[in-house]
Amino acid sequence: MLNSDSAAMHVLLNAELVTTSGRFPVTLREICARTALVSGHALPEGEARVVLERGPLRAFGHLTWSDGEHAEVRFEDELEDEALMHALRFVTPAHKIPVRCYRPGFHADLTPYERHVLNQMRERGELAVPGGDPC
């Protein structure tokens, strides 16, 4: 298992704790194959049976402790590596934000020296000029 013998992974991810008394939105703060540390508001106290849900992950377990704002969930079965890593994906492919990488064009008059440097770069193939000559 991924975390059987190692420390928990520190994360900040949205999740839900589901109990017989309702659903509690939580922030998943630490997780390993056996336990998870969550925080939220008005969390169940005692050793309530819970299901931790995040995306496709449904992990059955119980609270080992809770102070109403923080709680530790101990899973009935160790989480499989694949299920754990899938639940920890920060951005799914459908929600990736496109990154537009570009270099802005020249908006001011170039000095003779700047024109000379640009021409040298273009001649060496270091400068691609789509649509024309910048000089």
N, C-alpha and C. Protein backbone atom coordinates (compact mmCIF):
# COMPACT_ATOMS: atom_id res chain seq x y z
N MET A 1 0.83 -1.18 0.00
CA MET A 1 0.00 0.00 0.00
C MET A 1 0.87 1.24 0.00
N LEU A 2 0.32 2.30 -0.52
CA LEU A 2 1.07 3.53 -0.69
C LEU A 2 1.59 4.09 0.61
N ASN A 3 0.75 4.18 1.64
CA ASN A 3 1.15 4.83 2.87
C ASN A 3 1.19 3.91 4.07
N SER A 4 1.25 2.62 3.87
CA SER A 4 1.21 1.70 4.99
C SER A 4 2.34 1.97 5.99
N ASP A 5 3.52 2.28 5.50
CA ASP A 5 4.66 2.45 6.39
C ASP A 5 5.23 3.86 6.35
N SER A 6 4.47 4.81 5.78
CA SER A 6 5.00 6.15 5.68
C SER A 6 4.04 7.15 6.30
N ALA A 7 4.48 8.37 6.41
CA ALA A 7 3.65 9.42 6.98
C ALA A 7 2.50 9.77 6.04
N ALA A 8 1.50 10.39 6.60
CA ALA A 8 0.34 10.79 5.82
C ALA A 8 0.73 11.89 4.83
N MET A 9 -0.02 11.95 3.73
CA MET A 9 0.18 13.02 2.76
C MET A 9 -0.62 14.23 3.21
N HIS A 10 0.01 15.38 3.23
CA HIS A 10 -0.66 16.62 3.62
C HIS A 10 -1.32 17.21 2.38
N VAL A 11 -2.62 17.41 2.46
CA VAL A 11 -3.38 17.93 1.33
C VAL A 11 -4.40 18.94 1.85
N LEU A 12 -5.00 19.70 0.96
CA LEU A 12 -6.14 20.56 1.28
C LEU A 12 -7.16 20.36 0.17
N LEU A 13 -8.07 19.42 0.39
CA LEU A 13 -9.04 19.05 -0.64
C LEU A 13 -10.44 19.00 -0.05
N ASN A 14 -11.43 19.37 -0.85
CA ASN A 14 -12.82 19.25 -0.42
C ASN A 14 -13.24 17.80 -0.44
N ALA A 15 -14.05 17.42 0.54
CA ALA A 15 -14.60 16.08 0.62
C ALA A 15 -15.88 16.16 1.44
N GLU A 16 -16.52 15.01 1.66
CA GLU A 16 -17.72 14.97 2.49
C GLU A 16 -17.65 13.76 3.41
N LEU A 17 -18.12 13.98 4.64
CA LEU A 17 -18.32 12.88 5.57
C LEU A 17 -19.82 12.60 5.57
N VAL A 18 -20.18 11.36 5.35
CA VAL A 18 -21.59 10.98 5.32
C VAL A 18 -21.85 10.09 6.53
N THR A 19 -22.88 10.45 7.32
CA THR A 19 -23.28 9.64 8.47
C THR A 19 -24.78 9.42 8.39
N THR A 20 -25.30 8.68 9.35
CA THR A 20 -26.75 8.47 9.39
C THR A 20 -27.47 9.77 9.74
N SER A 21 -26.76 10.73 10.33
CA SER A 21 -27.40 12.00 10.69
C SER A 21 -27.23 13.09 9.64
N GLY A 22 -26.54 12.80 8.54
CA GLY A 22 -26.43 13.79 7.48
C GLY A 22 -25.09 13.78 6.77
N ARG A 23 -24.93 14.78 5.89
CA ARG A 23 -23.70 14.96 5.12
C ARG A 23 -22.98 16.19 5.66
N PHE A 24 -21.68 16.06 5.84
CA PHE A 24 -20.89 17.14 6.39
C PHE A 24 -19.77 17.50 5.41
N PRO A 25 -19.81 18.71 4.82
CA PRO A 25 -18.69 19.13 3.97
C PRO A 25 -17.44 19.29 4.84
N VAL A 26 -16.33 18.75 4.39
CA VAL A 26 -15.09 18.81 5.15
C VAL A 26 -13.93 19.17 4.24
N THR A 27 -12.85 19.58 4.87
CA THR A 27 -11.58 19.76 4.18
C THR A 27 -10.70 18.59 4.58
N LEU A 28 -10.26 17.85 3.60
CA LEU A 28 -9.35 16.73 3.83
C LEU A 28 -7.96 17.33 4.01
N ARG A 29 -7.35 17.10 5.18
CA ARG A 29 -6.07 17.73 5.49
C ARG A 29 -4.90 16.77 5.41
N GLU A 30 -5.11 15.54 5.82
CA GLU A 30 -4.08 14.50 5.73
C GLU A 30 -4.77 13.20 5.37
N ILE A 31 -4.07 12.38 4.60
CA ILE A 31 -4.63 11.08 4.26
C ILE A 31 -3.51 10.08 4.04
N CYS A 32 -3.78 8.86 4.46
CA CYS A 32 -2.90 7.73 4.16
C CYS A 32 -3.81 6.54 3.90
N ALA A 33 -3.26 5.39 3.73
CA ALA A 33 -4.05 4.21 3.37
C ALA A 33 -5.00 3.79 4.49
N ARG A 34 -4.70 4.16 5.72
CA ARG A 34 -5.51 3.71 6.86
C ARG A 34 -6.36 4.79 7.51
N THR A 35 -5.92 6.06 7.45
CA THR A 35 -6.63 7.13 8.17
C THR A 35 -6.67 8.40 7.35
N ALA A 36 -7.55 9.31 7.80
CA ALA A 36 -7.62 10.64 7.21
C ALA A 36 -7.93 11.63 8.31
N LEU A 37 -7.36 12.82 8.23
CA LEU A 37 -7.66 13.91 9.14
C LEU A 37 -8.47 14.93 8.37
N VAL A 38 -9.64 15.29 8.91
CA VAL A 38 -10.52 16.24 8.24
C VAL A 38 -10.87 17.37 9.18
N SER A 39 -11.30 18.50 8.59
CA SER A 39 -11.80 19.61 9.41
C SER A 39 -13.08 20.12 8.77
N GLY A 40 -13.96 20.67 9.59
CA GLY A 40 -15.23 21.19 9.12
C GLY A 40 -15.97 21.84 10.28
N HIS A 41 -17.26 22.07 10.11
CA HIS A 41 -18.06 22.71 11.16
C HIS A 41 -19.11 21.73 11.65
N ALA A 42 -19.28 21.69 12.97
CA ALA A 42 -20.30 20.85 13.61
C ALA A 42 -20.19 19.39 13.18
N LEU A 43 -18.97 18.87 13.17
CA LEU A 43 -18.76 17.47 12.80
C LEU A 43 -19.32 16.57 13.89
N PRO A 44 -19.73 15.35 13.53
CA PRO A 44 -20.23 14.43 14.55
C PRO A 44 -19.14 14.12 15.57
N GLU A 45 -19.57 13.91 16.80
CA GLU A 45 -18.60 13.59 17.85
C GLU A 45 -18.73 12.12 18.22
N GLY A 46 -17.79 11.63 18.97
CA GLY A 46 -17.81 10.22 19.35
C GLY A 46 -17.20 9.37 18.26
N GLU A 47 -17.54 8.09 18.29
CA GLU A 47 -16.98 7.16 17.31
C GLU A 47 -18.01 6.80 16.26
N ALA A 48 -18.58 7.80 15.63
CA ALA A 48 -19.63 7.59 14.62
C ALA A 48 -19.08 6.84 13.41
N ARG A 49 -19.92 6.01 12.83
CA ARG A 49 -19.57 5.34 11.57
C ARG A 49 -19.78 6.34 10.45
N VAL A 50 -18.84 6.41 9.54
CA VAL A 50 -18.88 7.42 8.47
C VAL A 50 -18.44 6.81 7.15
N VAL A 51 -18.75 7.55 6.09
CA VAL A 51 -18.21 7.28 4.77
C VAL A 51 -17.52 8.56 4.32
N LEU A 52 -16.25 8.50 3.97
CA LEU A 52 -15.53 9.65 3.44
C LEU A 52 -15.67 9.60 1.93
N GLU A 53 -16.21 10.68 1.36
CA GLU A 53 -16.42 10.73 -0.08
C GLU A 53 -15.61 11.87 -0.68
N ARG A 54 -14.91 11.55 -1.74
CA ARG A 54 -14.22 12.55 -2.56
C ARG A 54 -14.19 12.00 -3.97
N GLY A 55 -14.92 12.67 -4.87
CA GLY A 55 -15.01 12.18 -6.24
C GLY A 55 -15.50 10.74 -6.24
N PRO A 56 -14.79 9.84 -6.90
CA PRO A 56 -15.22 8.45 -6.96
C PRO A 56 -14.89 7.64 -5.70
N LEU A 57 -14.13 8.23 -4.78
CA LEU A 57 -13.71 7.51 -3.57
C LEU A 57 -14.86 7.44 -2.57
N ARG A 58 -15.15 6.24 -2.09
CA ARG A 58 -16.10 6.00 -1.01
C ARG A 58 -15.38 5.10 -0.01
N ALA A 59 -14.90 5.70 1.09
CA ALA A 59 -14.13 4.94 2.08
C ALA A 59 -14.94 4.82 3.37
N PHE A 60 -15.30 3.60 3.73
CA PHE A 60 -16.08 3.34 4.94
C PHE A 60 -15.14 3.29 6.14
N GLY A 61 -15.60 3.85 7.26
CA GLY A 61 -14.79 3.82 8.46
C GLY A 61 -15.55 4.36 9.65
N HIS A 62 -14.80 4.78 10.66
CA HIS A 62 -15.41 5.38 11.85
C HIS A 62 -14.48 6.47 12.37
N LEU A 63 -15.06 7.39 13.13
CA LEU A 63 -14.26 8.45 13.73
C LEU A 63 -13.53 7.88 14.94
N THR A 64 -12.23 8.11 15.02
CA THR A 64 -11.49 7.69 16.21
C THR A 64 -11.53 8.79 17.25
N TRP A 65 -11.65 10.04 16.81
CA TRP A 65 -11.85 11.17 17.72
C TRP A 65 -12.41 12.33 16.91
N SER A 66 -13.07 13.22 17.60
CA SER A 66 -13.62 14.42 16.98
C SER A 66 -13.83 15.47 18.05
N ASP A 67 -13.49 16.72 17.72
CA ASP A 67 -13.76 17.82 18.66
C ASP A 67 -14.83 18.76 18.10
N GLY A 68 -15.54 18.31 17.07
CA GLY A 68 -16.57 19.14 16.46
C GLY A 68 -16.08 19.93 15.26
N GLU A 69 -14.78 20.24 15.22
CA GLU A 69 -14.20 20.98 14.10
C GLU A 69 -13.13 20.18 13.37
N HIS A 70 -12.53 19.23 14.04
CA HIS A 70 -11.51 18.35 13.45
C HIS A 70 -11.86 16.92 13.83
N ALA A 71 -11.50 15.99 12.97
CA ALA A 71 -11.78 14.59 13.27
C ALA A 71 -10.80 13.70 12.52
N GLU A 72 -10.60 12.50 13.06
CA GLU A 72 -9.79 11.50 12.38
C GLU A 72 -10.70 10.34 12.00
N VAL A 73 -10.60 9.93 10.74
CA VAL A 73 -11.36 8.80 10.23
C VAL A 73 -10.40 7.63 10.08
N ARG A 74 -10.78 6.48 10.67
CA ARG A 74 -10.01 5.25 10.47
C ARG A 74 -10.82 4.39 9.51
N PHE A 75 -10.20 4.00 8.40
CA PHE A 75 -10.90 3.23 7.37
C PHE A 75 -11.02 1.77 7.77
N GLU A 76 -12.14 1.16 7.38
CA GLU A 76 -12.34 -0.28 7.65
C GLU A 76 -11.31 -1.11 6.90
N ASP A 77 -11.06 -0.76 5.65
CA ASP A 77 -10.06 -1.45 4.83
C ASP A 77 -9.05 -0.43 4.34
N GLU A 78 -7.80 -0.86 4.20
CA GLU A 78 -6.79 0.05 3.66
C GLU A 78 -7.19 0.47 2.26
N LEU A 79 -6.93 1.73 1.94
CA LEU A 79 -7.22 2.22 0.59
C LEU A 79 -6.19 1.66 -0.38
N GLU A 80 -6.65 1.23 -1.51
CA GLU A 80 -5.76 0.77 -2.57
C GLU A 80 -5.02 1.97 -3.16
N ASP A 81 -3.81 1.74 -3.63
CA ASP A 81 -3.01 2.82 -4.21
C ASP A 81 -3.77 3.57 -5.30
N GLU A 82 -4.37 2.84 -6.21
CA GLU A 82 -5.05 3.47 -7.34
C GLU A 82 -6.22 4.33 -6.88
N ALA A 83 -7.02 3.82 -5.95
CA ALA A 83 -8.17 4.58 -5.45
C ALA A 83 -7.71 5.83 -4.72
N LEU A 84 -6.65 5.71 -3.94
CA LEU A 84 -6.13 6.85 -3.19
C LEU A 84 -5.59 7.92 -4.13
N MET A 85 -4.79 7.52 -5.10
CA MET A 85 -4.22 8.51 -6.02
C MET A 85 -5.30 9.15 -6.89
N HIS A 86 -6.31 8.36 -7.28
CA HIS A 86 -7.40 8.92 -8.09
C HIS A 86 -8.18 9.96 -7.29
N ALA A 87 -8.39 9.70 -6.01
CA ALA A 87 -9.12 10.64 -5.15
C ALA A 87 -8.33 11.91 -4.90
N LEU A 88 -7.01 11.82 -4.99
CA LEU A 88 -6.17 12.98 -4.68
C LEU A 88 -5.86 13.84 -5.90
N ARG A 89 -6.40 13.47 -7.05
CA ARG A 89 -6.16 14.31 -8.22
C ARG A 89 -6.66 15.71 -7.93
N PHE A 90 -5.82 16.69 -8.18
CA PHE A 90 -6.20 18.06 -7.87
C PHE A 90 -7.09 18.64 -8.95
N VAL A 91 -6.81 18.32 -10.20
CA VAL A 91 -7.61 18.84 -11.30
C VAL A 91 -7.86 17.70 -12.27
N THR A 92 -9.11 17.45 -12.57
CA THR A 92 -9.42 16.41 -13.53
C THR A 92 -9.23 16.97 -14.93
N PRO A 93 -8.97 16.14 -15.93
CA PRO A 93 -8.73 16.65 -17.27
C PRO A 93 -9.86 17.53 -17.80
N ALA A 94 -11.09 17.25 -17.41
CA ALA A 94 -12.22 18.04 -17.90
C ALA A 94 -12.23 19.45 -17.31
N HIS A 95 -11.50 19.67 -16.22
CA HIS A 95 -11.53 20.96 -15.56
C HIS A 95 -10.21 21.71 -15.63
N LYS A 96 -9.30 21.27 -16.47
CA LYS A 96 -8.03 21.97 -16.58
C LYS A 96 -8.26 23.37 -17.17
N ILE A 97 -7.54 24.31 -16.64
CA ILE A 97 -7.64 25.67 -17.12
C ILE A 97 -6.58 25.85 -18.20
N PRO A 98 -6.98 26.24 -19.40
CA PRO A 98 -5.97 26.41 -20.45
C PRO A 98 -5.02 27.55 -20.10
N VAL A 99 -3.76 27.31 -20.33
CA VAL A 99 -2.75 28.31 -20.07
C VAL A 99 -2.30 28.88 -21.40
N ARG A 100 -2.41 30.16 -21.53
CA ARG A 100 -2.01 30.81 -22.76
C ARG A 100 -0.63 31.41 -22.55
N CYS A 101 0.36 30.79 -23.15
CA CYS A 101 1.74 31.27 -23.02
C CYS A 101 2.10 32.03 -24.29
N TYR A 102 2.42 33.24 -24.14
CA TYR A 102 2.83 34.02 -25.29
C TYR A 102 3.72 35.16 -24.81
N ARG A 103 4.46 35.67 -25.72
CA ARG A 103 5.30 36.82 -25.46
C ARG A 103 4.64 38.00 -26.13
N PRO A 104 4.34 39.04 -25.37
CA PRO A 104 3.66 40.18 -25.98
C PRO A 104 4.53 40.83 -27.05
N GLY A 105 3.89 41.42 -28.01
CA GLY A 105 4.60 42.10 -29.08
C GLY A 105 5.22 43.40 -28.61
N PHE A 106 5.98 44.00 -29.50
CA PHE A 106 6.61 45.28 -29.19
C PHE A 106 5.58 46.39 -29.40
N HIS A 107 5.46 47.25 -28.42
CA HIS A 107 4.48 48.32 -28.51
C HIS A 107 5.13 49.69 -28.52
N ALA A 108 6.42 49.73 -28.53
CA ALA A 108 7.11 51.02 -28.53
C ALA A 108 8.12 51.03 -29.67
N ASP A 109 8.56 52.20 -30.00
CA ASP A 109 9.60 52.31 -31.03
C ASP A 109 10.89 51.70 -30.50
N LEU A 110 11.57 50.95 -31.39
CA LEU A 110 12.81 50.31 -31.01
C LEU A 110 13.98 51.23 -31.29
N THR A 111 14.97 51.16 -30.43
CA THR A 111 16.19 51.92 -30.67
C THR A 111 16.97 51.20 -31.77
N PRO A 112 17.92 51.89 -32.39
CA PRO A 112 18.74 51.22 -33.40
C PRO A 112 19.46 49.98 -32.85
N TYR A 113 19.91 50.04 -31.61
CA TYR A 113 20.59 48.89 -31.03
C TYR A 113 19.63 47.72 -30.87
N GLU A 114 18.39 47.97 -30.39
CA GLU A 114 17.40 46.91 -30.21
C GLU A 114 17.05 46.27 -31.56
N ARG A 115 16.94 47.09 -32.63
CA ARG A 115 16.68 46.55 -33.96
C ARG A 115 17.83 45.65 -34.41
N HIS A 116 19.07 46.08 -34.13
CA HIS A 116 20.25 45.31 -34.50
C HIS A 116 20.23 43.94 -33.78
N VAL A 117 19.95 43.93 -32.48
CA VAL A 117 19.92 42.70 -31.71
C VAL A 117 18.82 41.77 -32.23
N LEU A 118 17.63 42.30 -32.52
CA LEU A 118 16.53 41.49 -33.04
C LEU A 118 16.88 40.89 -34.40
N ASN A 119 17.51 41.68 -35.27
CA ASN A 119 17.92 41.16 -36.57
C ASN A 119 18.93 40.04 -36.43
N GLN A 120 19.87 40.17 -35.50
CA GLN A 120 20.85 39.11 -35.27
C GLN A 120 20.16 37.84 -34.75
N MET A 121 19.22 38.00 -33.85
CA MET A 121 18.49 36.85 -33.32
C MET A 121 17.70 36.16 -34.42
N ARG A 122 17.07 36.94 -35.30
CA ARG A 122 16.29 36.37 -36.39
C ARG A 122 17.20 35.62 -37.36
N GLU A 123 18.36 36.17 -37.66
CA GLU A 123 19.30 35.52 -38.57
C GLU A 123 19.82 34.20 -38.00
N ARG A 124 19.98 34.12 -36.69
CA ARG A 124 20.45 32.88 -36.06
C ARG A 124 19.31 31.90 -35.83
N GLY A 125 18.08 32.28 -36.15
CA GLY A 125 16.93 31.40 -35.95
C GLY A 125 16.41 31.38 -34.53
N GLU A 126 16.83 32.36 -33.72
CA GLU A 126 16.40 32.43 -32.33
C GLU A 126 15.10 33.20 -32.16
N LEU A 127 14.62 33.80 -33.23
CA LEU A 127 13.43 34.64 -33.14
C LEU A 127 12.48 34.25 -34.26
N ALA A 128 11.33 33.77 -33.90
CA ALA A 128 10.31 33.46 -34.91
C ALA A 128 9.41 34.68 -35.02
N VAL A 129 9.21 35.11 -36.24
CA VAL A 129 8.40 36.29 -36.48
C VAL A 129 7.20 35.92 -37.34
N PRO A 130 6.11 35.47 -36.71
CA PRO A 130 4.94 35.15 -37.52
C PRO A 130 4.31 36.43 -38.04
N GLY A 131 4.00 36.42 -39.29
CA GLY A 131 3.26 37.54 -39.88
C GLY A 131 4.11 38.75 -40.23
N GLY A 132 5.40 38.64 -40.17
CA GLY A 132 6.17 39.79 -40.62
C GLY A 132 7.38 40.11 -39.79
N ASP A 133 8.02 41.20 -40.17
CA ASP A 133 9.25 41.66 -39.56
C ASP A 133 8.95 42.66 -38.45
N PRO A 134 9.45 42.43 -37.21
CA PRO A 134 9.17 43.37 -36.14
C PRO A 134 9.95 44.68 -36.29
N CYS A 135 10.96 44.64 -37.13
CA CYS A 135 11.81 45.83 -37.27
C CYS A 135 11.33 46.60 -38.45
